Structures are given as C-alpha cells and as structure tokens.
PDB file of N, CA and C in Angstrom:
ATOM      1  N   MET A   1       0.838  -1.179   0.000  1.00  0.00           N
ATOM      2  CA  MET A   1       0.000   0.000   0.000  1.00  0.00           C
ATOM      3  C   MET A   1       0.880   1.239   0.000  1.00  0.00           C
ATOM      4  N   THR A   2       0.547   2.214  -0.821  1.00  0.00           N
ATOM      5  CA  THR A   2       1.354   3.424  -0.910  1.00  0.00           C
ATOM      6  C   THR A   2       0.877   4.467   0.094  1.00  0.00           C
ATOM      7  N   THR A   3       1.798   5.280   0.520  1.00  0.00           N
ATOM      8  CA  THR A   3       1.447   6.342   1.465  1.00  0.00           C
ATOM      9  C   THR A   3       0.930   7.543   0.712  1.00  0.00           C
ATOM     10  N   GLY A   4       0.450   8.532   1.460  1.00  0.00           N
ATOM     11  CA  GLY A   4      -0.055   9.760   0.862  1.00  0.00           C
ATOM     12  C   GLY A   4       1.013  10.514   0.100  1.00  0.00           C
ATOM     13  N   ILE A   5       2.235  10.469   0.586  1.00  0.00           N
ATOM     14  CA  ILE A   5       3.330  11.174  -0.090  1.00  0.00           C
ATOM     15  C   ILE A   5       3.613  10.525  -1.437  1.00  0.00           C
ATOM     16  N   ASP A   6       3.611   9.204  -1.471  1.00  0.00           N
ATOM     17  CA  ASP A   6       3.850   8.512  -2.734  1.00  0.00           C
ATOM     18  C   ASP A   6       2.752   8.818  -3.748  1.00  0.00           C
ATOM     19  N   GLN A   7       1.510   8.863  -3.288  1.00  0.00           N
ATOM     20  CA  GLN A   7       0.402   9.162  -4.187  1.00  0.00           C
ATOM     21  C   GLN A   7       0.497  10.584  -4.711  1.00  0.00           C
ATOM     22  N   LYS A   8       0.897  11.522  -3.855  1.00  0.00           N
ATOM     23  CA  LYS A   8       1.035  12.911  -4.294  1.00  0.00           C
ATOM     24  C   LYS A   8       2.138  13.043  -5.333  1.00  0.00           C
ATOM     25  N   SER A   9       3.259  12.372  -5.124  1.00  0.00           N
ATOM     26  CA  SER A   9       4.348  12.462  -6.093  1.00  0.00           C
ATOM     27  C   SER A   9       3.970  11.779  -7.404  1.00  0.00           C
ATOM     28  N   ARG A  10       3.223  10.693  -7.323  1.00  0.00           N
ATOM     29  CA  ARG A  10       2.769  10.021  -8.544  1.00  0.00           C
ATOM     30  C   ARG A  10       1.800  10.899  -9.307  1.00  0.00           C
ATOM     31  N   ARG A  11       0.883  11.530  -8.592  1.00  0.00           N
ATOM     32  CA  ARG A  11      -0.067  12.436  -9.260  1.00  0.00           C
ATOM     33  C   ARG A  11       0.667  13.595  -9.916  1.00  0.00           C
ATOM     34  N   SER A  12       1.653  14.116  -9.209  1.00  0.00           N
ATOM     35  CA  SER A  12       2.438  15.213  -9.763  1.00  0.00           C
ATOM     36  C   SER A  12       3.171  14.781 -11.031  1.00  0.00           C
ATOM     37  N   GLY A  13       3.737  13.576 -11.007  1.00  0.00           N
ATOM     38  CA  GLY A  13       4.410  13.045 -12.186  1.00  0.00           C
ATOM     39  C   GLY A  13       3.463  12.844 -13.355  1.00  0.00           C
ATOM     40  N   PHE A  14       2.285  12.299 -13.083  1.00  0.00           N
ATOM     41  CA  PHE A  14       1.299  12.105 -14.148  1.00  0.00           C
ATOM     42  C   PHE A  14       0.829  13.448 -14.695  1.00  0.00           C
ATOM     43  N   ARG A  15       0.621  14.423 -13.811  1.00  0.00           N
ATOM     44  CA  ARG A  15       0.183  15.742 -14.237  1.00  0.00           C
ATOM     45  C   ARG A  15       1.243  16.373 -15.145  1.00  0.00           C
ATOM     46  N   ARG A  16       2.508  16.258 -14.741  1.00  0.00           N
ATOM     47  CA  ARG A  16       3.599  16.807 -15.549  1.00  0.00           C
ATOM     48  C   ARG A  16       3.652  16.108 -16.901  1.00  0.00           C
ATOM     49  N   GLY A  17       3.495  14.798 -16.909  1.00  0.00           N
ATOM     50  CA  GLY A  17       3.483  14.052 -18.166  1.00  0.00           C
ATOM     51  C   GLY A  17       2.355  14.493 -19.078  1.00  0.00           C
ATOM     52  N   ASN A  18       1.183  14.723 -18.500  1.00  0.00           N
ATOM     53  CA  ASN A  18       0.048  15.189 -19.298  1.00  0.00           C
ATOM     54  C   ASN A  18       0.300  16.574 -19.875  1.00  0.00           C
ATOM     55  N   VAL A  19       0.899  17.456 -19.081  1.00  0.00           N
ATOM     56  CA  VAL A  19       1.220  18.796 -19.567  1.00  0.00           C
ATOM     57  C   VAL A  19       2.221  18.705 -20.720  1.00  0.00           C
ATOM     58  N   VAL A  20       3.205  17.840 -20.596  1.00  0.00           N
ATOM     59  CA  VAL A  20       4.198  17.683 -21.661  1.00  0.00           C
ATOM     60  C   VAL A  20       3.546  17.125 -22.925  1.00  0.00           C
ATOM     61  N   ILE A  21       2.640  16.170 -22.780  1.00  0.00           N
ATOM     62  CA  ILE A  21       1.951  15.614 -23.945  1.00  0.00           C
ATOM     63  C   ILE A  21       1.124  16.687 -24.645  1.00  0.00           C
ATOM     64  N   VAL A  22       0.429  17.505 -23.871  1.00  0.00           N
ATOM     65  CA  VAL A  22      -0.362  18.591 -24.462  1.00  0.00           C
ATOM     66  C   VAL A  22       0.562  19.596 -25.151  1.00  0.00           C
ATOM     67  N   ALA A  23       1.686  19.930 -24.504  1.00  0.00           N
ATOM     68  CA  ALA A  23       2.642  20.871 -25.103  1.00  0.00           C
ATOM     69  C   ALA A  23       3.183  20.311 -26.420  1.00  0.00           C
ATOM     70  N   LEU A  24       3.492  19.012 -26.452  1.00  0.00           N
ATOM     71  CA  LEU A  24       3.966  18.401 -27.693  1.00  0.00           C
ATOM     72  C   LEU A  24       2.894  18.464 -28.783  1.00  0.00           C
ATOM     73  N   GLY A  25       1.663  18.253 -28.402  1.00  0.00           N
ATOM     74  CA  GLY A  25       0.566  18.356 -29.373  1.00  0.00           C
ATOM     75  C   GLY A  25       0.415  19.757 -29.925  1.00  0.00           C
ATOM     76  N   VAL A  26       0.498  20.749 -29.048  1.00  0.00           N
ATOM     77  CA  VAL A  26       0.390  22.149 -29.486  1.00  0.00           C
ATOM     78  C   VAL A  26       1.566  22.507 -30.396  1.00  0.00           C
ATOM     79  N   LEU A  27       2.767  22.113 -30.001  1.00  0.00           N
ATOM     80  CA  LEU A  27       3.936  22.398 -30.831  1.00  0.00           C
ATOM     81  C   LEU A  27       3.839  21.705 -32.187  1.00  0.00           C
ATOM     82  N   THR A  28       3.306  20.498 -32.218  1.00  0.00           N
ATOM     83  CA  THR A  28       3.129  19.786 -33.479  1.00  0.00           C
ATOM     84  C   THR A  28       2.114  20.495 -34.362  1.00  0.00           C
ATOM     85  N   ALA A  29       1.024  20.995 -33.771  1.00  0.00           N
ATOM     86  CA  ALA A  29       0.031  21.744 -34.544  1.00  0.00           C
ATOM     87  C   ALA A  29       0.644  23.025 -35.112  1.00  0.00           C
ATOM     88  N   ILE A  30       1.432  23.713 -34.308  1.00  0.00           N
ATOM     89  CA  ILE A  30       2.110  24.930 -34.779  1.00  0.00           C
ATOM     90  C   ILE A  30       3.070  24.584 -35.913  1.00  0.00           C
ATOM     91  N   GLU A  31       3.816  23.502 -35.735  1.00  0.00           N
ATOM     92  CA  GLU A  31       4.739  23.051 -36.779  1.00  0.00           C
ATOM     93  C   GLU A  31       3.996  22.773 -38.089  1.00  0.00           C
ATOM     94  N   PHE A  32       2.878  22.093 -37.995  1.00  0.00           N
ATOM     95  CA  PHE A  32       2.107  21.749 -39.184  1.00  0.00           C
ATOM     96  C   PHE A  32       1.623  23.006 -39.903  1.00  0.00           C
ATOM     97  N   VAL A  33       1.053  23.940 -39.144  1.00  0.00           N
ATOM     98  CA  VAL A  33       0.539  25.171 -39.746  1.00  0.00           C
ATOM     99  C   VAL A  33       1.669  25.953 -40.406  1.00  0.00           C
ATOM    100  N   LEU A  34       2.809  26.062 -39.725  1.00  0.00           N
ATOM    101  CA  LEU A  34       3.940  26.780 -40.305  1.00  0.00           C
ATOM    102  C   LEU A  34       4.470  26.075 -41.552  1.00  0.00           C
ATOM    103  N   ALA A  35       4.557  24.765 -41.515  1.00  0.00           N
ATOM    104  CA  ALA A  35       5.088  24.016 -42.654  1.00  0.00           C
ATOM    105  C   ALA A  35       4.191  24.146 -43.883  1.00  0.00           C
ATOM    106  N   VAL A  36       2.887  24.210 -43.664  1.00  0.00           N
ATOM    107  CA  VAL A  36       1.947  24.291 -44.782  1.00  0.00           C
ATOM    108  C   VAL A  36       1.860  25.709 -45.336  1.00  0.00           C
ATOM    109  N   SER A  37       1.924  26.719 -44.452  1.00  0.00           N
ATOM    110  CA  SER A  37       1.645  28.078 -44.897  1.00  0.00           C
ATOM    111  C   SER A  37       2.880  28.938 -45.142  1.00  0.00           C
ATOM    112  N   TRP A  38       4.052  28.507 -44.709  1.00  0.00           N
ATOM    113  CA  TRP A  38       5.233  29.360 -44.762  1.00  0.00           C
ATOM    114  C   TRP A  38       6.317  28.651 -45.533  1.00  0.00           C
ATOM    115  N   SER A  39       7.114  29.398 -46.302  1.00  0.00           N
ATOM    116  CA  SER A  39       8.221  28.769 -47.010  1.00  0.00           C
ATOM    117  C   SER A  39       9.446  29.677 -46.914  1.00  0.00           C
ATOM    118  N   GLY A  40      10.589  29.106 -47.204  1.00  0.00           N
ATOM    119  CA  GLY A  40      11.821  29.876 -47.178  1.00  0.00           C
ATOM    120  C   GLY A  40      12.721  29.467 -46.028  1.00  0.00           C
ATOM    121  N   ASN A  41      13.867  30.143 -45.957  1.00  0.00           N
ATOM    122  CA  ASN A  41      14.850  29.821 -44.926  1.00  0.00           C
ATOM    123  C   ASN A  41      14.354  30.139 -43.527  1.00  0.00           C
ATOM    124  N   GLY A  42      13.560  31.176 -43.382  1.00  0.00           N
ATOM    125  CA  GLY A  42      13.017  31.518 -42.065  1.00  0.00           C
ATOM    126  C   GLY A  42      12.131  30.426 -41.522  1.00  0.00           C
ATOM    127  N   ALA A  43      11.337  29.840 -42.401  1.00  0.00           N
ATOM    128  CA  ALA A  43      10.457  28.747 -41.982  1.00  0.00           C
ATOM    129  C   ALA A  43      11.275  27.546 -41.540  1.00  0.00           C
ATOM    130  N   ALA A  44      12.308  27.245 -42.290  1.00  0.00           N
ATOM    131  CA  ALA A  44      13.146  26.103 -41.930  1.00  0.00           C
ATOM    132  C   ALA A  44      13.796  26.309 -40.567  1.00  0.00           C
ATOM    133  N   ALA A  45      14.255  27.524 -40.310  1.00  0.00           N
ATOM    134  CA  ALA A  45      14.900  27.813 -39.028  1.00  0.00           C
ATOM    135  C   ALA A  45      13.909  27.689 -37.876  1.00  0.00           C
ATOM    136  N   VAL A  46      12.710  28.203 -38.059  1.00  0.00           N
ATOM    137  CA  VAL A  46      11.689  28.124 -37.002  1.00  0.00           C
ATOM    138  C   VAL A  46      11.265  26.679 -36.778  1.00  0.00           C
ATOM    139  N   LEU A  47      11.073  25.932 -37.861  1.00  0.00           N
ATOM    140  CA  LEU A  47      10.688  24.526 -37.733  1.00  0.00           C
ATOM    141  C   LEU A  47      11.789  23.722 -37.046  1.00  0.00           C
ATOM    142  N   PHE A  48      13.039  24.034 -37.364  1.00  0.00           N
ATOM    143  CA  PHE A  48      14.153  23.350 -36.706  1.00  0.00           C
ATOM    144  C   PHE A  48      14.172  23.667 -35.217  1.00  0.00           C
ATOM    145  N   ALA A  49      13.946  24.925 -34.857  1.00  0.00           N
ATOM    146  CA  ALA A  49      13.916  25.318 -33.440  1.00  0.00           C
ATOM    147  C   ALA A  49      12.780  24.600 -32.709  1.00  0.00           C
ATOM    148  N   LEU A  50      11.608  24.527 -33.342  1.00  0.00           N
ATOM    149  CA  LEU A  50      10.483  23.805 -32.730  1.00  0.00           C
ATOM    150  C   LEU A  50      10.810  22.320 -32.562  1.00  0.00           C
ATOM    151  N   ALA A  51      11.476  21.753 -33.534  1.00  0.00           N
ATOM    152  CA  ALA A  51      11.865  20.333 -33.436  1.00  0.00           C
ATOM    153  C   ALA A  51      12.838  20.128 -32.280  1.00  0.00           C
ATOM    154  N   LEU A  52      13.764  21.055 -32.074  1.00  0.00           N
ATOM    155  CA  LEU A  52      14.695  20.941 -30.954  1.00  0.00           C
ATOM    156  C   LEU A  52      13.976  21.033 -29.612  1.00  0.00           C
ATOM    157  N   VAL A  53      13.001  21.917 -29.517  1.00  0.00           N
ATOM    158  CA  VAL A  53      12.224  22.045 -28.278  1.00  0.00           C
ATOM    159  C   VAL A  53      11.460  20.751 -28.009  1.00  0.00           C
ATOM    160  N   LYS A  54      10.835  20.206 -29.038  1.00  0.00           N
ATOM    161  CA  LYS A  54      10.100  18.950 -28.868  1.00  0.00           C
ATOM    162  C   LYS A  54      11.036  17.813 -28.473  1.00  0.00           C
ATOM    163  N   ALA A  55      12.197  17.756 -29.096  1.00  0.00           N
ATOM    164  CA  ALA A  55      13.165  16.706 -28.757  1.00  0.00           C
ATOM    165  C   ALA A  55      13.617  16.838 -27.305  1.00  0.00           C
ATOM    166  N   ALA A  56      13.855  18.064 -26.860  1.00  0.00           N
ATOM    167  CA  ALA A  56      14.271  18.279 -25.471  1.00  0.00           C
ATOM    168  C   ALA A  56      13.181  17.832 -24.498  1.00  0.00           C
ATOM    169  N   LEU A  57      11.932  18.132 -24.806  1.00  0.00           N
ATOM    170  CA  LEU A  57      10.833  17.696 -23.943  1.00  0.00           C
ATOM    171  C   LEU A  57      10.765  16.169 -23.873  1.00  0.00           C
ATOM    172  N   ILE A  58      10.879  15.529 -25.008  1.00  0.00           N
ATOM    173  CA  ILE A  58      10.800  14.062 -25.038  1.00  0.00           C
ATOM    174  C   ILE A  58      11.967  13.442 -24.276  1.00  0.00           C
ATOM    175  N   ILE A  59      13.170  13.957 -24.511  1.00  0.00           N
ATOM    176  CA  ILE A  59      14.356  13.398 -23.844  1.00  0.00           C
ATOM    177  C   ILE A  59      14.277  13.586 -22.335  1.00  0.00           C
ATOM    178  N   ASN A  60      13.891  14.773 -21.887  1.00  0.00           N
ATOM    179  CA  ASN A  60      13.879  15.051 -20.448  1.00  0.00           C
ATOM    180  C   ASN A  60      12.749  14.353 -19.706  1.00  0.00           C
ATOM    181  N   TYR A  61      11.560  14.308 -20.290  1.00  0.00           N
ATOM    182  CA  TYR A  61      10.418  13.817 -19.526  1.00  0.00           C
ATOM    183  C   TYR A  61      10.043  12.368 -19.804  1.00  0.00           C
ATOM    184  N   PHE A  62      10.332  11.857 -20.990  1.00  0.00           N
ATOM    185  CA  PHE A  62       9.920  10.498 -21.304  1.00  0.00           C
ATOM    186  C   PHE A  62      11.078   9.519 -21.365  1.00  0.00           C
ATOM    187  N   MET A  63      12.278   9.996 -21.663  1.00  0.00           N
ATOM    188  CA  MET A  63      13.434   9.111 -21.719  1.00  0.00           C
ATOM    189  C   MET A  63      14.246   9.176 -20.427  1.00  0.00           C
ATOM    190  N   HIS A  64      13.859  10.049 -19.508  1.00  0.00           N
ATOM    191  CA  HIS A  64      14.484  10.173 -18.188  1.00  0.00           C
ATOM    192  C   HIS A  64      15.996  10.396 -18.287  1.00  0.00           C
ATOM    193  N   PHE A  65      16.401  11.239 -19.221  1.00  0.00           N
ATOM    194  CA  PHE A  65      17.821  11.469 -19.453  1.00  0.00           C
ATOM    195  C   PHE A  65      18.501  12.115 -18.249  1.00  0.00           C
ATOM    196  N   LYS A  66      17.775  12.941 -17.501  1.00  0.00           N
ATOM    197  CA  LYS A  66      18.361  13.565 -16.309  1.00  0.00           C
ATOM    198  C   LYS A  66      18.841  12.509 -15.316  1.00  0.00           C
ATOM    199  N   GLN A  67      18.058  11.464 -15.164  1.00  0.00           N
ATOM    200  CA  GLN A  67      18.437  10.406 -14.231  1.00  0.00           C
ATOM    201  C   GLN A  67      19.649   9.634 -14.736  1.00  0.00           C
ATOM    202  N   LEU A  68      19.753   9.474 -16.039  1.00  0.00           N
ATOM    203  CA  LEU A  68      20.865   8.723 -16.610  1.00  0.00           C
ATOM    204  C   LEU A  68      22.153   9.529 -16.653  1.00  0.00           C
ATOM    205  N   TRP A  69      22.042  10.849 -16.733  1.00  0.00           N
ATOM    206  CA  TRP A  69      23.212  11.703 -16.890  1.00  0.00           C
ATOM    207  C   TRP A  69      24.220  11.497 -15.761  1.00  0.00           C
ATOM    208  N   ALA A  70      23.746  11.251 -14.559  1.00  0.00           N
ATOM    209  CA  ALA A  70      24.646  11.045 -13.421  1.00  0.00           C
ATOM    210  C   ALA A  70      25.498   9.800 -13.611  1.00  0.00           C
ATOM    211  N   HIS A  71      25.018   8.839 -14.367  1.00  0.00           N
ATOM    212  CA  HIS A  71      25.732   7.578 -14.543  1.00  0.00           C
ATOM    213  C   HIS A  71      26.634   7.563 -15.782  1.00  0.00           C
ATOM    214  N   ILE A  72      26.475   8.538 -16.647  1.00  0.00           N
ATOM    215  CA  ILE A  72      27.253   8.540 -17.883  1.00  0.00           C
ATOM    216  C   ILE A  72      28.744   8.665 -17.596  1.00  0.00           C
ATOM    217  N   ALA A  73      29.127   9.533 -16.665  1.00  0.00           N
ATOM    218  CA  ALA A  73      30.547   9.691 -16.315  1.00  0.00           C
ATOM    219  C   ALA A  73      31.117   8.389 -15.767  1.00  0.00           C
ATOM    220  N   THR A  74      30.340   7.697 -14.967  1.00  0.00           N
ATOM    221  CA  THR A  74      30.799   6.429 -14.403  1.00  0.00           C
ATOM    222  C   THR A  74      31.012   5.394 -15.511  1.00  0.00           C
ATOM    223  N   VAL A  75      30.070   5.301 -16.411  1.00  0.00           N
ATOM    224  CA  VAL A  75      30.181   4.344 -17.505  1.00  0.00           C
ATOM    225  C   VAL A  75      31.371   4.689 -18.387  1.00  0.00           C
ATOM    226  N   TRP A  76      31.556   5.979 -18.693  1.00  0.00           N
ATOM    227  CA  TRP A  76      32.684   6.385 -19.520  1.00  0.00           C
ATOM    228  C   TRP A  76      34.009   6.034 -18.841  1.00  0.00           C
ATOM    229  N   GLN A  77      34.090   6.248 -17.542  1.00  0.00           N
ATOM    230  CA  GLN A  77      35.312   5.921 -16.814  1.00  0.00           C
ATOM    231  C   GLN A  77      35.596   4.427 -16.878  1.00  0.00           C
ATOM    232  N   GLU A  78      34.568   3.610 -16.800  1.00  0.00           N
ATOM    233  CA  GLU A  78      34.753   2.167 -16.916  1.00  0.00           C
ATOM    234  C   GLU A  78      35.227   1.776 -18.311  1.00  0.00           C
ATOM    235  N   ILE A  79      34.727   2.448 -19.322  1.00  0.00           N
ATOM    236  CA  ILE A  79      35.179   2.177 -20.690  1.00  0.00           C
ATOM    237  C   ILE A  79      36.650   2.516 -20.836  1.00  0.00           C
ATOM    238  N   VAL A  80      37.050   3.660 -20.285  1.00  0.00           N
ATOM    239  CA  VAL A  80      38.441   4.092 -20.375  1.00  0.00           C
ATOM    240  C   VAL A  80      39.326   3.134 -19.618  1.00  0.00           C
ATOM    241  N   ASP A  81      38.885   2.656 -18.468  1.00  0.00           N
ATOM    242  CA  ASP A  81      39.688   1.708 -17.686  1.00  0.00           C
ATOM    243  C   ASP A  81      39.887   0.406 -18.443  1.00  0.00           C
ATOM    244  N   ILE A  82      38.890  -0.040 -19.180  1.00  0.00           N
ATOM    245  CA  ILE A  82      39.001  -1.290 -19.920  1.00  0.00           C
ATOM    246  C   ILE A  82      39.892  -1.095 -21.145  1.00  0.00           C
ATOM    247  N   ASP A  83      39.706   0.008 -21.864  1.00  0.00           N
ATOM    248  CA  ASP A  83      40.448   0.273 -23.092  1.00  0.00           C
ATOM    249  C   ASP A  83      41.110   1.642 -22.995  1.00  0.00           C
ATOM    250  N   PRO A  84      42.352   1.718 -22.574  1.00  0.00           N
ATOM    251  CA  PRO A  84      43.031   3.005 -22.405  1.00  0.00           C
ATOM    252  C   PRO A  84      43.122   3.816 -23.688  1.00  0.00           C
ATOM    253  N   GLU A  85      43.089   3.165 -24.842  1.00  0.00           N
ATOM    254  CA  GLU A  85      43.153   3.882 -26.114  1.00  0.00           C
ATOM    255  C   GLU A  85      41.856   4.624 -26.427  1.00  0.00           C
ATOM    256  N   ALA A  86      40.748   4.260 -25.767  1.00  0.00           N
ATOM    257  CA  ALA A  86      39.468   4.922 -26.012  1.00  0.00           C
ATOM    258  C   ALA A  86      39.467   6.362 -25.545  1.00  0.00           C
ATOM    259  N   ALA A  87      40.320   6.701 -24.597  1.00  0.00           N
ATOM    260  CA  ALA A  87      40.362   8.062 -24.066  1.00  0.00           C
ATOM    261  C   ALA A  87      41.118   9.011 -24.985  1.00  0.00           C
ATOM    262  N   GLU A  88      41.876   8.480 -25.910  1.00  0.00           N
ATOM    263  CA  GLU A  88      42.692   9.329 -26.787  1.00  0.00           C
ATOM    264  C   GLU A  88      41.923   9.847 -27.952  1.00  0.00           C
TER     265      GLU A  88
END
C-alpha cells in the first residue's frame, strides 16, 4: 500500500506528463501550420527550433535522461579503464 506522499508524487508526475503531452501536441500543430503556410529559410529555421524544443521535452520527460546523466561519467570511466586507447 502506498502512502499519501507517494500518491502525491505520482499524481504530480502524471500531471507533468500530461502537460508535456499537451505541449507536444500544441507544438506539433504549430509546426504543421507553419510548414503548410510558410516557405523559405526563415520557416526552416523556425521549424528546426520547434523540433529541438520537442526533442528536449521528449528526452527530459519520457526518456528520463536527467536520471541517466549522473551515470554517464561512471560508464565512460569504466570504458576508459578497460580500453586506455578509447580516451585518446
């Protein structure tokens, strides 16, 4: 059985996930409208910026990259210890 604190943190996580999903949907709609109605280098730059924002949202909230980042240095150090030439 979960405690009240666990339920509150789970609700907060689900709420954040829902907000991110809605934000991705809105950004996708904006991307679609811009892609259909706008042309030229300015459009490409704006669409690229929107794609980067969407990628950052997906990486941070759905792929849990923040949690993995702490372990990347450890894994890299283990790789270097196994193969000293990998660090060069």
